[in-house]
Structures are given as C-alpha cells and as structure tokens.
C-alpha cells in the first residue's frame, strides 16, 4: 500500500533575501523522497546581484503588499492536487502560519517566524534590527536595501567576517517597505483558537531580529490544544539559520518531525 503522507514541499522565503537560499534544503529534501519548490516573491525573479541593481527604483516591488504576498503563496499552495507541506523562514514563517490557519497545508514549519498580529515584538534587538525596513519618513515608492552593517547585526551575528560578507553578497536583496509595514496590520492576522494542521515553530538562541523568546510567545499564543503544535529552540542559530553550517541538523529535525506528524 502506498503511503498517504504528503510528499510535496513548498519553501517560503523571508524578507531581505533571495529564494536561492533554499537550494541546499531542496536538494536534501529531494534526496529524502520529497518534491520541492522554492518560488520567489513577485518581482524578485532574478539573482541577488540583478535585484540589487534595480535598487531603489523597482516600483513594482516597492508597491507589493503583505496581503498580495500571502495570496501569491496561497495560490501556489492551492495549485497542488493535495495539500503540500509548507516550510517558511522569517516573514516566510509568518506566511506559513497564515497558510496553515487557512487550512491549505498538510503541515507547516515556521523557522524563526515573524510573529502574527497580536504577538507584540517588544524586544530591543527586534526593533534595532528591523525598524529601518518600515521606511518611516521615507519614500514608499522606493525599495529598502539592508546595509552590510545592519545585515551583520540582524542576520549573521557571531559568524566570521568573511562568511558574513559572502552571505550578504549571495543573498541580500531589496525589499518592499509596504510588506514590512503589513506585519503590523490585519494582513498578519492568525486565529490562534482555530484548529489547524500540525505546526512546528523553531527558534535560535542567538537570533537578534527574531529572538527565541519572541518565537516562544508566538508558540504560546495558540489556544487550541486539540491540534499538533510543537516548539524547538536550537542553540547557536542566528537569523541566517537556513544558510548556517548547522542547517542540515535543523533539516534533519524537521524531517523527523514531519515523518511523525505530517
């Protein structure tokens, strides 16, 4: 008898970075029998260098909203004949939580997720790492590109300088300020009391932009004890967790969790 477990995985990219960061995860999951896709955001169909060259005058990206972005990924998920597994990082983690909340996924994994509306991120490190992306008092028709100095603090803290620079050059891309602002609105709403597909939230002990205790408050916000909901904090993980040398350990944990719950 064939297994009825879902074998399609949709990887959802977070803000500020290229979807190419999922490449090793895709190869690894495929070696374990999964079919994977890691589609880019709208207007991010290029290499990191190509997208940076459009900065700051990529008005299509600048005008992208969080509602549009969530619907973009929801439509991709709905295109499968059976509900896929959805795995997202950072803002992609928030999108994963929303898609799970819409009952569109067989299971969800939110890696260092931006918190939904109602889980207030009061941590200083979150504010320091992320406030510039909101573009307060700046032109919303222009995209935001994180500086290398801000990247060092927000994503790659405690990594060697050469690795920080390599990660920046290969991954960092311009961002829509409107998407960032959407995280503070009803576009980021999740009904925490609604039953849902199995959901795993992970965090990292040295993540500055999404600190572990913020992730844990996100986890604790869910009220319905009838649904599978798990939380795992990994030691030594910063916000570049998807590309850190330890990524395969995280992937193995997720694969094991999926085998038990999806």
Protein backbone atom coordinates (compact mmCIF):
# COMPACT_ATOMS: atom_id res chain seq x y z
CA UNK A 1 0.00 0.00 0.00
CA UNK A 2 1.36 3.46 -0.90
CA UNK A 3 1.93 5.93 1.90
CA UNK A 4 -0.65 8.71 2.08
CA UNK A 5 1.87 11.09 3.65
CA UNK A 6 2.28 14.34 1.70
CA UNK A 7 5.43 14.45 -0.40
CA UNK A 8 5.27 17.96 -1.84
CA UNK A 9 7.07 20.76 -0.01
CA UNK A 10 6.73 24.49 -0.65
CA UNK A 11 9.58 26.56 0.82
CA UNK A 12 8.61 30.18 1.56
CA UNK A 13 11.34 32.79 1.58
CA UNK A 14 11.52 35.61 4.10
CA UNK A 15 12.20 39.29 3.58
CA UNK A 16 15.54 40.80 2.52
CA UNK A 17 16.91 37.59 0.96
CA UNK A 18 16.79 35.63 -2.30
CA UNK A 19 14.85 32.39 -2.63
CA UNK A 20 18.11 30.76 -3.79
CA UNK A 21 18.96 30.32 -0.10
CA UNK A 22 16.73 27.23 -0.11
CA UNK A 23 18.77 25.42 -2.78
CA UNK A 24 20.60 23.06 -0.42
CA UNK A 25 17.41 22.36 1.52
CA UNK A 26 15.63 21.46 -1.69
CA UNK A 27 18.35 19.05 -2.74
CA UNK A 28 18.42 17.47 0.70
CA UNK A 29 14.65 17.07 0.97
CA UNK A 30 14.55 15.64 -2.54
CA UNK A 31 17.14 13.06 -1.50
CA UNK A 32 14.66 12.02 1.21
CA UNK A 33 11.85 11.48 -1.27
CA UNK A 34 10.13 14.85 -1.28
CA UNK A 35 9.25 17.01 -4.28
CA UNK A 36 10.15 20.63 -3.53
CA UNK A 37 9.72 24.13 -4.89
CA UNK A 38 11.01 27.44 -3.53
CA UNK A 39 9.22 30.05 -5.64
CA UNK A 40 10.38 33.67 -5.45
CA UNK A 41 8.27 36.55 -4.28
CA UNK A 42 6.56 38.58 -7.01
CA UNK A 43 9.07 40.90 -8.70
CA UNK A 44 12.03 39.02 -7.24
CA UNK A 45 12.70 36.81 -10.25
CA UNK A 46 16.45 37.30 -10.52
CA UNK A 47 19.77 36.78 -8.83
CA UNK A 48 20.69 38.80 -5.76
CA UNK A 49 23.06 40.92 -7.86
CA UNK A 50 20.39 41.56 -10.52
CA UNK A 51 17.82 42.56 -7.94
CA UNK A 52 20.24 44.87 -6.13
CA UNK A 53 20.93 46.59 -9.46
CA UNK A 54 17.27 47.64 -9.59
CA UNK A 55 17.53 49.39 -6.23
CA UNK A 56 15.85 51.73 -5.32
CA UNK A 57 13.64 52.24 -8.35
CA UNK A 58 11.89 48.87 -8.60
CA UNK A 59 8.42 50.37 -8.20
CA UNK A 60 6.58 47.07 -8.75
CA UNK A 61 8.33 45.52 -5.76
CA UNK A 62 8.03 48.73 -3.76
CA UNK A 63 4.24 48.62 -4.15
CA UNK A 64 3.88 44.96 -3.16
CA UNK A 65 1.75 44.50 -0.03
CA UNK A 66 1.75 41.71 2.54
CA UNK A 67 -1.82 40.76 1.55
CA UNK A 68 -0.70 40.30 -2.05
CA UNK A 69 2.35 38.34 -0.99
CA UNK A 70 0.36 35.95 1.21
CA UNK A 71 -2.18 35.41 -1.58
CA UNK A 72 0.69 34.74 -4.01
CA UNK A 73 1.94 31.85 -1.89
CA UNK A 74 -1.58 30.68 -1.03
CA UNK A 75 -2.34 30.37 -4.74
CA UNK A 76 0.83 28.34 -5.26
CA UNK A 77 -0.10 26.02 -2.39
CA UNK A 78 -3.66 25.63 -3.72
CA UNK A 79 -2.32 24.62 -7.14
CA UNK A 80 -1.26 21.20 -5.82
CA UNK A 81 -3.73 18.31 -6.17
CA UNK A 82 -3.19 17.52 -2.47
CA UNK A 83 -2.28 19.84 0.37
CA UNK A 84 1.52 20.24 0.49
CA UNK A 85 3.84 20.75 3.42
CA UNK A 86 4.78 24.41 3.80
CA UNK A 87 8.10 25.46 5.34
CA UNK A 88 8.89 29.14 5.74
CA UNK A 89 11.63 31.25 7.27
CA UNK A 90 11.21 34.64 8.99
CA UNK A 91 8.43 36.51 7.14
CA UNK A 92 8.02 33.25 5.24
CA UNK A 93 7.33 31.68 8.63
CA UNK A 94 4.52 34.15 9.21
CA UNK A 95 3.15 33.36 5.75
CA UNK A 96 3.36 29.67 6.66
CA UNK A 97 1.35 30.27 9.82
CA UNK A 98 -1.29 32.15 7.84
CA UNK A 99 -1.49 29.41 5.19
CA UNK A 100 -1.85 26.77 7.92
CA UNK A 101 -4.54 28.95 9.50
CA UNK A 102 -6.38 28.98 6.16
CA UNK A 103 -6.36 25.16 6.18
CA UNK A 104 -4.34 24.98 2.95
CA UNK A 105 -1.35 22.94 4.18
CA UNK A 106 -0.92 19.34 5.27
CA UNK A 107 1.61 20.57 7.83
CA UNK A 108 3.63 23.71 8.47
CA UNK A 109 7.08 24.55 9.78
CA UNK A 110 7.75 28.18 10.74
CA UNK A 111 11.50 28.79 11.14
CA UNK A 112 12.31 31.88 13.24
CA UNK A 113 8.91 33.28 12.26
CA UNK A 114 7.93 36.94 12.23
CA UNK A 115 5.10 36.98 14.79
CA UNK A 116 1.47 37.35 13.71
CA UNK A 117 -0.65 40.32 14.70
CA UNK A 118 -1.24 40.32 18.45
CA UNK A 119 2.15 38.91 19.45
CA UNK A 120 3.86 42.22 20.13
CA UNK A 121 7.62 42.25 19.44
CA UNK A 122 8.84 44.49 22.24
CA UNK A 123 12.41 43.13 22.23
CA UNK A 124 15.04 45.84 21.69
CA UNK A 125 17.06 43.66 19.33
CA UNK A 126 14.00 43.16 17.10
CA UNK A 127 13.43 46.90 16.93
CA UNK A 128 17.10 47.64 16.30
CA UNK A 129 17.38 45.03 13.57
CA UNK A 130 14.11 45.68 11.79
CA UNK A 131 12.86 49.24 12.19
CA UNK A 132 14.64 50.62 9.09
CA UNK A 133 12.70 48.22 6.87
CA UNK A 134 9.50 50.09 7.78
CA UNK A 135 10.88 53.11 5.93
CA UNK A 136 9.40 55.68 8.29
CA UNK A 137 9.60 59.18 6.81
CA UNK A 138 10.96 57.80 3.53
CA UNK A 139 9.50 57.36 0.03
CA UNK A 140 7.35 54.22 -0.13
CA UNK A 141 7.84 54.16 -3.92
CA UNK A 142 11.47 53.20 -3.33
CA UNK A 143 12.61 49.81 -2.06
CA UNK A 144 14.77 49.26 1.02
CA UNK A 145 18.15 47.55 0.87
CA UNK A 146 19.71 46.42 4.14
CA UNK A 147 23.26 47.71 4.64
CA UNK A 148 26.07 45.28 5.35
CA UNK A 149 26.37 46.67 8.88
CA UNK A 150 22.67 46.07 9.55
CA UNK A 151 22.95 42.61 7.95
CA UNK A 152 25.74 41.75 10.37
CA UNK A 153 23.51 42.52 13.34
CA UNK A 154 20.18 41.25 12.02
CA UNK A 155 21.21 38.04 10.24
CA UNK A 156 24.79 36.85 10.63
CA UNK A 157 25.88 37.87 14.13
CA UNK A 158 28.73 35.80 15.59
CA UNK A 159 29.80 34.44 12.19
CA UNK A 160 33.34 35.10 10.82
CA UNK A 161 33.60 38.31 8.80
CA UNK A 162 34.38 36.55 5.52
CA UNK A 163 31.29 34.34 5.90
CA UNK A 164 29.15 37.38 6.76
CA UNK A 165 30.28 39.13 3.58
CA UNK A 166 29.77 36.05 1.40
CA UNK A 167 26.27 35.57 2.80
CA UNK A 168 25.46 39.22 2.12
CA UNK A 169 26.74 39.14 -1.46
CA UNK A 170 24.87 35.93 -2.32
CA UNK A 171 21.58 36.59 -0.56
CA UNK A 172 20.72 40.19 0.29
CA UNK A 173 18.17 41.89 -1.97
CA UNK A 174 15.93 44.99 -1.91
CA UNK A 175 12.65 44.88 -0.03
CA UNK A 176 9.19 46.41 -0.10
CA UNK A 177 8.61 48.72 2.85
CA UNK A 178 4.88 48.12 2.43
CA UNK A 179 5.35 44.40 3.05
CA UNK A 180 7.31 45.16 6.21
CA UNK A 181 4.60 47.50 7.44
CA UNK A 182 1.99 44.87 6.68
CA UNK A 183 3.35 42.78 9.52
CA UNK A 184 1.81 45.31 11.91
CA UNK A 185 -1.67 45.10 10.36
CA UNK A 186 -4.57 42.68 9.98
CA UNK A 187 -2.74 41.21 6.96
CA UNK A 188 -0.68 39.37 9.58
CA UNK A 189 -3.71 38.04 11.45
CA UNK A 190 -3.87 34.44 12.66
CA UNK A 191 -6.81 32.94 14.55
CA UNK A 192 -4.91 31.26 17.38
CA UNK A 193 -8.01 29.40 18.63
CA UNK A 194 -8.81 27.71 15.32
CA UNK A 195 -7.88 24.01 14.93
CA UNK A 196 -5.05 23.59 12.44
CA UNK A 197 -2.77 21.14 10.66
CA UNK A 198 0.38 20.04 12.52
CA UNK A 199 2.62 23.06 13.06
CA UNK A 200 6.22 23.29 14.26
CA UNK A 201 7.81 26.57 15.30
CA UNK A 202 11.60 26.76 15.62
CA UNK A 203 13.89 29.43 17.04
CA UNK A 204 17.56 30.18 17.55
CA UNK A 205 19.34 31.12 20.75
CA UNK A 206 21.38 33.96 19.18
CA UNK A 207 18.83 35.34 16.69
CA UNK A 208 18.70 39.13 17.11
CA UNK A 209 15.87 40.09 14.78
CA UNK A 210 13.51 37.29 15.91
CA UNK A 211 14.71 36.39 19.43
CA UNK A 212 13.86 32.97 20.82
CA UNK A 213 11.53 34.34 23.50
CA UNK A 214 9.56 36.18 20.79
CA UNK A 215 9.20 32.87 18.93
CA UNK A 216 8.09 31.21 22.15
CA UNK A 217 5.40 33.83 22.76
CA UNK A 218 4.23 33.15 19.21
CA UNK A 219 4.02 29.45 20.09
CA UNK A 220 2.20 30.14 23.36
CA UNK A 221 -0.42 32.30 21.63
CA UNK A 222 -2.09 29.22 20.14
CA UNK A 223 -5.05 28.22 22.31
CA UNK A 224 -6.40 25.04 20.75
CA UNK A 225 -4.89 22.02 22.47
CA UNK A 226 -6.53 19.64 20.01
CA UNK A 227 -4.03 20.40 17.25
CA UNK A 228 -0.45 19.21 16.92
CA UNK A 229 1.77 22.14 17.87
CA UNK A 230 5.46 21.90 18.74
CA UNK A 231 8.32 24.24 19.52
CA UNK A 232 12.08 23.75 19.27
CA UNK A 233 14.89 26.15 20.14
CA UNK A 234 18.26 25.43 18.51
CA UNK A 235 21.44 26.51 20.24
CA UNK A 236 23.79 28.84 18.35
CA UNK A 237 21.42 29.69 15.50
CA UNK A 238 21.22 33.27 14.26
CA UNK A 239 18.71 34.59 11.71
CA UNK A 240 20.76 33.20 8.82
CA UNK A 241 19.78 29.76 10.12
CA UNK A 242 18.82 28.44 6.66
CA UNK A 243 22.38 29.03 5.46
CA UNK A 244 24.40 28.38 8.60
CA UNK A 245 26.78 25.38 8.60
CA UNK A 246 24.33 23.69 11.00
CA UNK A 247 21.43 23.86 8.54
CA UNK A 248 21.38 20.11 7.95
CA UNK A 249 20.90 19.40 11.67
CA UNK A 250 17.83 21.65 11.59
CA UNK A 251 16.60 19.99 8.40
CA UNK A 252 17.00 16.51 9.97
CA UNK A 253 14.96 17.58 13.00
CA UNK A 254 12.23 18.91 10.70
CA UNK A 255 12.27 15.78 8.55
CA UNK A 256 11.92 13.61 11.64
CA UNK A 257 9.07 15.78 12.92
CA UNK A 258 7.31 15.59 9.55
CA UNK A 259 7.68 11.80 9.48
CA UNK A 260 5.86 11.63 12.80
CA UNK A 261 3.22 14.29 12.26
CA UNK A 262 2.50 15.01 8.59
